[in-house]
């Protein structure tokens, strides 16, 4: 069978009709002619929703707009207005039917996919603004970036805290070494860090006690030398 589509008419000035002629495979079958109200297709297309602001429309084989949520544009839009939609369909066909990016009639960047209507060579195209289509990805990227920044800030704060926690015991140990070097063997280091620094402070205090005892022995021997002969 063969199908022909005639011109579109607007009987009441608002609802578009298209004339469809179907011929049989034999001459005896004749030709059946019918007028199809495109408003029924418009109702179906208007019910298609993609995201919040996405929309669907239908192009015939030559690229005329035969269905659109805005019924005033159906087969009334000029060639320049329909050219972006035709380019969008061509981009999808060039990608073997995969989704492609382009522009809608308003010039906005959209991401579109297409499904053919067998028998009539029409194409149903759904389009969604690029910003809305990739919105979840952008949100995930921003969330990931925020988590990375927060993690880096937390790591920096933890590193600073650990540095300060190590610097203070080191300063205390340095001061203790300086005092012992100056002969203040009675000086003791007090650290309650419950780590290796506290153990080192305990060893330091034990060393100070031993040095103090050695100093006392040396002083006692020095005093004995004043009263006793060197042989003793």
C-alpha atoms as a PDB file:
ATOM      1  CA  UNK A   1       0.000   0.000   0.000  1.00  0.00           C
ATOM      2  CA  UNK A   2       0.991   3.603  -0.517  1.00  0.00           C
ATOM      3  CA  UNK A   3       0.187   6.580   1.696  1.00  0.00           C
ATOM      4  CA  UNK A   4       0.001  10.223   0.642  1.00  0.00           C
ATOM      5  CA  UNK A   5      -0.393  13.227   2.915  1.00  0.00           C
ATOM      6  CA  UNK A   6      -2.189  16.187   1.491  1.00  0.00           C
ATOM      7  CA  UNK A   7      -2.163  19.813   2.611  1.00  0.00           C
ATOM      8  CA  UNK A   8      -3.221  20.780   6.108  1.00  0.00           C
ATOM      9  CA  UNK A   9      -6.394  22.768   6.530  1.00  0.00           C
ATOM     10  CA  UNK A  10      -7.943  24.564   9.497  1.00  0.00           C
ATOM     11  CA  UNK A  11     -11.688  24.116   9.227  1.00  0.00           C
ATOM     12  CA  UNK A  12     -12.599  26.231  12.223  1.00  0.00           C
ATOM     13  CA  UNK A  13      -9.466  28.340  12.295  1.00  0.00           C
ATOM     14  CA  UNK A  14      -7.903  26.496  15.239  1.00  0.00           C
ATOM     15  CA  UNK A  15      -7.876  22.703  14.771  1.00  0.00           C
ATOM     16  CA  UNK A  16      -5.575  21.409  12.002  1.00  0.00           C
ATOM     17  CA  UNK A  17      -6.652  18.603   9.693  1.00  0.00           C
ATOM     18  CA  UNK A  18      -4.433  16.618   7.334  1.00  0.00           C
ATOM     19  CA  UNK A  19      -5.723  14.724   4.323  1.00  0.00           C
ATOM     20  CA  UNK A  20      -4.449  11.137   4.105  1.00  0.00           C
ATOM     21  CA  UNK A  21      -4.848   9.004   0.952  1.00  0.00           C
ATOM     22  CA  UNK A  22      -4.141   5.257   0.982  1.00  0.00           C
ATOM     23  CA  UNK A  23      -4.052   3.210  -2.213  1.00  0.00           C
ATOM     24  CA  UNK A  24      -4.254  -0.559  -2.344  1.00  0.00           C
ATOM     25  CA  UNK A  25      -1.753  -2.832  -4.020  1.00  0.00           C
ATOM     26  CA  UNK A  26      -4.263  -3.567  -6.810  1.00  0.00           C
ATOM     27  CA  UNK A  27      -6.136  -1.164  -9.002  1.00  0.00           C
ATOM     28  CA  UNK A  28      -9.419  -2.717  -7.943  1.00  0.00           C
ATOM     29  CA  UNK A  29      -8.752  -1.714  -4.333  1.00  0.00           C
ATOM     30  CA  UNK A  30      -9.069   1.935  -5.187  1.00  0.00           C
ATOM     31  CA  UNK A  31      -7.968   4.794  -2.965  1.00  0.00           C
ATOM     32  CA  UNK A  32      -9.230   5.604   0.527  1.00  0.00           C
ATOM     33  CA  UNK A  33      -9.116   9.272   1.548  1.00  0.00           C
ATOM     34  CA  UNK A  34      -9.581  10.529   5.094  1.00  0.00           C
ATOM     35  CA  UNK A  35      -9.129  13.724   7.018  1.00  0.00           C
ATOM     36  CA  UNK A  36      -7.227  13.250  10.279  1.00  0.00           C
ATOM     37  CA  UNK A  37      -7.620  15.771  13.072  1.00  0.00           C
ATOM     38  CA  UNK A  38      -4.106  16.513  14.300  1.00  0.00           C
ATOM     39  CA  UNK A  39      -5.533  17.691  17.595  1.00  0.00           C
ATOM     40  CA  UNK A  40      -5.624  14.071  18.770  1.00  0.00           C
ATOM     41  CA  UNK A  41      -1.890  13.800  18.128  1.00  0.00           C
ATOM     42  CA  UNK A  42      -1.443  17.142  19.907  1.00  0.00           C
ATOM     43  CA  UNK A  43      -3.182  15.768  22.994  1.00  0.00           C
ATOM     44  CA  UNK A  44      -0.833  12.780  23.088  1.00  0.00           C
ATOM     45  CA  UNK A  45       2.253  14.946  22.551  1.00  0.00           C
ATOM     46  CA  UNK A  46       1.124  17.437  25.190  1.00  0.00           C
ATOM     47  CA  UNK A  47       0.940  14.637  27.764  1.00  0.00           C
ATOM     48  CA  UNK A  48       4.591  13.710  27.226  1.00  0.00           C
ATOM     49  CA  UNK A  49       6.733  15.257  29.953  1.00  0.00           C
ATOM     50  CA  UNK A  50      10.504  15.109  30.209  1.00  0.00           C
ATOM     51  CA  UNK A  51      11.730  16.474  33.519  1.00  0.00           C
ATOM     52  CA  UNK A  52      10.262  19.823  34.539  1.00  0.00           C
ATOM     53  CA  UNK A  53      10.353  21.774  31.287  1.00  0.00           C
ATOM     54  CA  UNK A  54      11.096  19.176  28.596  1.00  0.00           C
ATOM     55  CA  UNK A  55       8.618  18.752  25.753  1.00  0.00           C
ATOM     56  CA  UNK A  56       7.879  16.545  22.756  1.00  0.00           C
ATOM     57  CA  UNK A  57       7.017  17.353  19.152  1.00  0.00           C
ATOM     58  CA  UNK A  58       6.475  15.499  15.881  1.00  0.00           C
ATOM     59  CA  UNK A  59       8.049  16.176  12.492  1.00  0.00           C
ATOM     60  CA  UNK A  60       6.867  14.671   9.227  1.00  0.00           C
ATOM     61  CA  UNK A  61       9.256  13.354   6.586  1.00  0.00           C
ATOM     62  CA  UNK A  62       9.903  16.759   4.937  1.00  0.00           C
ATOM     63  CA  UNK A  63      10.525  18.276   8.378  1.00  0.00           C
ATOM     64  CA  UNK A  64       7.237  20.086   8.971  1.00  0.00           C
ATOM     65  CA  UNK A  65       5.998  20.444  12.532  1.00  0.00           C
ATOM     66  CA  UNK A  66       2.815  18.343  12.726  1.00  0.00           C
ATOM     67  CA  UNK A  67       2.491  18.149  16.533  1.00  0.00           C
ATOM     68  CA  UNK A  68       3.715  20.427  19.305  1.00  0.00           C
ATOM     69  CA  UNK A  69       2.514  21.365  22.821  1.00  0.00           C
ATOM     70  CA  UNK A  70       1.830  24.824  21.390  1.00  0.00           C
ATOM     71  CA  UNK A  71      -0.869  23.935  18.859  1.00  0.00           C
ATOM     72  CA  UNK A  72      -0.622  27.383  17.273  1.00  0.00           C
ATOM     73  CA  UNK A  73       2.761  26.359  15.841  1.00  0.00           C
ATOM     74  CA  UNK A  74       1.533  23.153  14.180  1.00  0.00           C
ATOM     75  CA  UNK A  75       2.136  23.464  10.430  1.00  0.00           C
ATOM     76  CA  UNK A  76       2.064  27.256  10.794  1.00  0.00           C
ATOM     77  CA  UNK A  77       5.648  27.898  11.852  1.00  0.00           C
ATOM     78  CA  UNK A  78       7.756  29.324   9.066  1.00  0.00           C
ATOM     79  CA  UNK A  79      10.709  27.476   7.584  1.00  0.00           C
ATOM     80  CA  UNK A  80      13.278  29.484   9.575  1.00  0.00           C
ATOM     81  CA  UNK A  81      11.542  28.605  12.859  1.00  0.00           C
ATOM     82  CA  UNK A  82      11.419  24.901  11.975  1.00  0.00           C
ATOM     83  CA  UNK A  83      15.024  24.728  10.787  1.00  0.00           C
ATOM     84  CA  UNK A  84      16.497  24.198  14.328  1.00  0.00           C
ATOM     85  CA  UNK A  85      14.136  21.235  14.844  1.00  0.00           C
ATOM     86  CA  UNK A  86      15.152  19.744  11.512  1.00  0.00           C
ATOM     87  CA  UNK A  87      18.811  20.210  12.416  1.00  0.00           C
ATOM     88  CA  UNK A  88      18.136  18.514  15.744  1.00  0.00           C
ATOM     89  CA  UNK A  89      16.605  15.510  13.967  1.00  0.00           C
ATOM     90  CA  UNK A  90      19.539  15.391  11.547  1.00  0.00           C
ATOM     91  CA  UNK A  91      21.985  15.404  14.495  1.00  0.00           C
ATOM     92  CA  UNK A  92      20.173  12.464  16.088  1.00  0.00           C
ATOM     93  CA  UNK A  93      20.159  10.534  12.796  1.00  0.00           C
ATOM     94  CA  UNK A  94      23.890  11.242  12.400  1.00  0.00           C
ATOM     95  CA  UNK A  95      24.462   9.573  15.776  1.00  0.00           C
ATOM     96  CA  UNK A  96      22.534   6.464  14.694  1.00  0.00           C
ATOM     97  CA  UNK A  97      19.509   7.373  16.780  1.00  0.00           C
ATOM     98  CA  UNK A  98      21.383   8.246  19.959  1.00  0.00           C
ATOM     99  CA  UNK A  99      20.603  11.403  21.916  1.00  0.00           C
ATOM    100  CA  UNK A 100      22.172  14.573  20.529  1.00  0.00           C
ATOM    101  CA  UNK A 101      22.461  18.204  21.511  1.00  0.00           C
ATOM    102  CA  UNK A 102      21.008  21.081  19.541  1.00  0.00           C
ATOM    103  CA  UNK A 103      18.675  24.046  19.801  1.00  0.00           C
ATOM    104  CA  UNK A 104      14.915  24.365  20.004  1.00  0.00           C
ATOM    105  CA  UNK A 105      12.714  26.914  18.275  1.00  0.00           C
ATOM    106  CA  UNK A 106      13.512  29.479  20.966  1.00  0.00           C
ATOM    107  CA  UNK A 107      17.254  29.036  20.440  1.00  0.00           C
ATOM    108  CA  UNK A 108      17.827  27.292  23.760  1.00  0.00           C
ATOM    109  CA  UNK A 109      20.381  24.497  24.044  1.00  0.00           C
ATOM    110  CA  UNK A 110      18.588  21.155  24.462  1.00  0.00           C
ATOM    111  CA  UNK A 111      19.377  17.451  24.636  1.00  0.00           C
ATOM    112  CA  UNK A 112      17.020  15.424  22.456  1.00  0.00           C
ATOM    113  CA  UNK A 113      16.161  11.819  21.604  1.00  0.00           C
ATOM    114  CA  UNK A 114      13.965  10.519  18.808  1.00  0.00           C
ATOM    115  CA  UNK A 115      11.665   7.611  18.026  1.00  0.00           C
ATOM    116  CA  UNK A 116      10.290   6.954  14.502  1.00  0.00           C
ATOM    117  CA  UNK A 117       6.610   6.348  13.732  1.00  0.00           C
ATOM    118  CA  UNK A 118       6.544   3.412  11.290  1.00  0.00           C
ATOM    119  CA  UNK A 119       4.393   3.655   8.181  1.00  0.00           C
ATOM    120  CA  UNK A 120       4.090   7.429   8.006  1.00  0.00           C
ATOM    121  CA  UNK A 121       7.800   8.314   8.319  1.00  0.00           C
ATOM    122  CA  UNK A 122       7.147  10.746  11.138  1.00  0.00           C
ATOM    123  CA  UNK A 123       9.540  11.324  14.004  1.00  0.00           C
ATOM    124  CA  UNK A 124       8.650  11.898  17.651  1.00  0.00           C
ATOM    125  CA  UNK A 125      11.370  13.972  19.305  1.00  0.00           C
ATOM    126  CA  UNK A 126      11.622  14.717  23.017  1.00  0.00           C
ATOM    127  CA  UNK A 127      13.873  17.574  24.079  1.00  0.00           C
ATOM    128  CA  UNK A 128      15.030  18.786  27.468  1.00  0.00           C
ATOM    129  CA  UNK A 129      17.143  21.867  28.267  1.00  0.00           C
ATOM    130  CA  UNK A 130      20.826  21.041  28.663  1.00  0.00           C
ATOM    131  CA  UNK A 131      21.001  22.701  32.076  1.00  0.00           C
ATOM    132  CA  UNK A 132      18.084  20.614  33.334  1.00  0.00           C
ATOM    133  CA  UNK A 133      19.273  17.384  31.718  1.00  0.00           C
ATOM    134  CA  UNK A 134      22.715  17.648  33.279  1.00  0.00           C
ATOM    135  CA  UNK A 135      21.440  19.244  36.483  1.00  0.00           C
ATOM    136  CA  UNK A 136      21.812  16.054  38.589  1.00  0.00           C
ATOM    137  CA  UNK A 137      25.375  15.606  37.288  1.00  0.00           C
ATOM    138  CA  UNK A 138      26.261  19.212  38.079  1.00  0.00           C
ATOM    139  CA  UNK A 139      24.709  18.828  41.534  1.00  0.00           C
ATOM    140  CA  UNK A 140      26.698  15.649  42.158  1.00  0.00           C
ATOM    141  CA  UNK A 141      29.902  17.383  41.027  1.00  0.00           C
ATOM    142  CA  UNK A 142      29.264  20.351  43.325  1.00  0.00           C
ATOM    143  CA  UNK A 143      28.473  17.999  46.197  1.00  0.00           C
ATOM    144  CA  UNK A 144      31.640  16.006  45.523  1.00  0.00           C
ATOM    145  CA  UNK A 145      33.680  19.215  45.334  1.00  0.00           C
ATOM    146  CA  UNK A 146      32.185  20.451  48.595  1.00  0.00           C
ATOM    147  CA  UNK A 147      32.989  17.132  50.267  1.00  0.00           C
ATOM    148  CA  UNK A 148      36.562  17.288  48.959  1.00  0.00           C
ATOM    149  CA  UNK A 149      36.993  20.836  50.251  1.00  0.00           C
ATOM    150  CA  UNK A 150      35.493  19.888  53.606  1.00  0.00           C
ATOM    151  CA  UNK A 151      37.739  16.822  53.774  1.00  0.00           C
ATOM    152  CA  UNK A 152      40.818  18.905  52.931  1.00  0.00           C
ATOM    153  CA  UNK A 153      39.880  21.474  55.583  1.00  0.00           C
ATOM    154  CA  UNK A 154      39.334  18.718  58.138  1.00  0.00           C
ATOM    155  CA  UNK A 155      42.683  17.133  57.252  1.00  0.00           C
ATOM    156  CA  UNK A 156      44.427  20.499  57.527  1.00  0.00           C
ATOM    157  CA  UNK A 157      42.809  21.157  60.923  1.00  0.00           C
ATOM    158  CA  UNK A 158      43.753  17.689  62.151  1.00  0.00           C
ATOM    159  CA  UNK A 159      47.333  18.151  60.945  1.00  0.00           C
ATOM    160  CA  UNK A 160      47.532  21.524  62.707  1.00  0.00           C
ATOM    161  CA  UNK A 161      46.169  20.018  65.924  1.00  0.00           C
ATOM    162  CA  UNK A 162      48.650  17.142  65.783  1.00  0.00           C
ATOM    163  CA  UNK A 163      51.490  19.577  65.087  1.00  0.00           C
ATOM    164  CA  UNK A 164      50.572  21.727  68.068  1.00  0.00           C
ATOM    165  CA  UNK A 165      50.202  18.621  70.225  1.00  0.00           C
ATOM    166  CA  UNK A 166      53.762  17.602  69.312  1.00  0.00           C
ATOM    167  CA  UNK A 167      55.366  21.044  69.464  1.00  0.00           C
ATOM    168  CA  UNK A 168      54.444  21.755  73.096  1.00  0.00           C
ATOM    169  CA  UNK A 169      56.014  18.564  74.565  1.00  0.00           C
ATOM    170  CA  UNK A 170      59.110  19.149  72.422  1.00  0.00           C
ATOM    171  CA  UNK A 171      59.429  22.660  73.832  1.00  0.00           C
ATOM    172  CA  UNK A 172      59.103  21.316  77.380  1.00  0.00           C
ATOM    173  CA  UNK A 173      61.821  18.748  76.702  1.00  0.00           C
ATOM    174  CA  UNK A 174      64.100  21.373  75.165  1.00  0.00           C
ATOM    175  CA  UNK A 175      63.666  23.588  78.228  1.00  0.00           C
ATOM    176  CA  UNK A 176      64.458  20.626  80.528  1.00  0.00           C
ATOM    177  CA  UNK A 177      67.636  19.789  78.589  1.00  0.00           C
ATOM    178  CA  UNK A 178      68.750  23.427  78.819  1.00  0.00           C
ATOM    179  CA  UNK A 179      68.212  23.496  82.592  1.00  0.00           C
ATOM    180  CA  UNK A 180      70.023  20.223  83.149  1.00  0.00           C
ATOM    181  CA  UNK A 181      72.864  21.518  81.014  1.00  0.00           C
ATOM    182  CA  UNK A 182      72.993  24.570  83.295  1.00  0.00           C
ATOM    183  CA  UNK A 183      73.378  22.309  86.348  1.00  0.00           C
ATOM    184  CA  UNK A 184      69.777  22.455  87.616  1.00  0.00           C
ATOM    185  CA  UNK A 185      69.597  18.729  88.350  1.00  0.00           C
ATOM    186  CA  UNK A 186      66.565  19.209  90.608  1.00  0.00           C
ATOM    187  CA  UNK A 187      64.428  20.200  87.615  1.00  0.00           C
ATOM    188  CA  UNK A 188      61.762  17.685  86.623  1.00  0.00           C
ATOM    189  CA  UNK A 189      59.656  17.462  83.465  1.00  0.00           C
ATOM    190  CA  UNK A 190      55.930  16.912  83.882  1.00  0.00           C
ATOM    191  CA  UNK A 191      54.058  15.648  80.813  1.00  0.00           C
ATOM    192  CA  UNK A 192      50.691  13.872  80.807  1.00  0.00           C
ATOM    193  CA  UNK A 193      50.297  13.216  77.096  1.00  0.00           C
ATOM    194  CA  UNK A 194      49.949   9.415  77.550  1.00  0.00           C
ATOM    195  CA  UNK A 195      52.242   8.765  74.608  1.00  0.00           C
ATOM    196  CA  UNK A 196      55.946   8.452  73.783  1.00  0.00           C
ATOM    197  CA  UNK A 197      56.603  11.998  74.998  1.00  0.00           C
ATOM    198  CA  UNK A 198      55.451  11.108  78.502  1.00  0.00           C
ATOM    199  CA  UNK A 199      57.722   8.058  78.452  1.00  0.00           C
ATOM    200  CA  UNK A 200      60.624  10.197  77.286  1.00  0.00           C
ATOM    201  CA  UNK A 201      59.948  12.697  80.090  1.00  0.00           C
ATOM    202  CA  UNK A 202      60.053   9.850  82.637  1.00  0.00           C
ATOM    203  CA  UNK A 203      63.424   8.707  81.283  1.00  0.00           C
ATOM    204  CA  UNK A 204      64.625  12.297  81.393  1.00  0.00           C
ATOM    205  CA  UNK A 205      63.628  12.643  85.046  1.00  0.00           C
ATOM    206  CA  UNK A 206      65.417   9.381  85.889  1.00  0.00           C
ATOM    207  CA  UNK A 207      68.539  10.739  84.189  1.00  0.00           C
ATOM    208  CA  UNK A 208      68.243  13.989  86.191  1.00  0.00           C
ATOM    209  CA  UNK A 209      68.041  11.965  89.453  1.00  0.00           C
ATOM    210  CA  UNK A 210      71.175   9.992  88.507  1.00  0.00           C
ATOM    211  CA  UNK A 211      73.034  13.197  87.616  1.00  0.00           C
ATOM    212  CA  UNK A 212      71.972  14.770  90.911  1.00  0.00           C
ATOM    213  CA  UNK A 213      73.276  11.742  92.849  1.00  0.00           C
ATOM    214  CA  UNK A 214      76.525  11.834  90.906  1.00  0.00           C
ATOM    215  CA  UNK A 215      76.901  15.518  91.726  1.00  0.00           C
ATOM    216  CA  UNK A 216      76.352  14.818  95.439  1.00  0.00           C
ATOM    217  CA  UNK A 217      78.995  12.056  95.393  1.00  0.00           C
ATOM    218  CA  UNK A 218      81.454  14.353  93.664  1.00  0.00           C
ATOM    219  CA  UNK A 219      80.856  17.109  96.228  1.00  0.00           C
ATOM    220  CA  UNK A 220      81.219  14.639  99.128  1.00  0.00           C
ATOM    221  CA  UNK A 221      84.512  13.318  97.742  1.00  0.00           C
ATOM    222  CA  UNK A 222      85.688  16.867  97.227  1.00  0.00           C
ATOM    223  CA  UNK A 223      85.035  17.692 100.874  1.00  0.00           C
ATOM    224  CA  UNK A 224      86.836  14.535 102.062  1.00  0.00           C
ATOM    225  CA  UNK A 225      89.902  15.459 100.042  1.00  0.00           C
ATOM    226  CA  UNK A 226      90.326  18.583 102.134  1.00  0.00           C
ATOM    227  CA  UNK A 227      90.788  16.610 105.379  1.00  0.00           C
ATOM    228  CA  UNK A 228      92.321  13.333 104.254  1.00  0.00           C
ATOM    229  CA  UNK A 229      95.591  12.447 102.597  1.00  0.00           C
ATOM    230  CA  UNK A 230      95.529  11.696  98.900  1.00  0.00           C
ATOM    231  CA  UNK A 231      96.459   8.072  99.601  1.00  0.00           C
ATOM    232  CA  UNK A 232      93.263   7.620 101.619  1.00  0.00           C
END
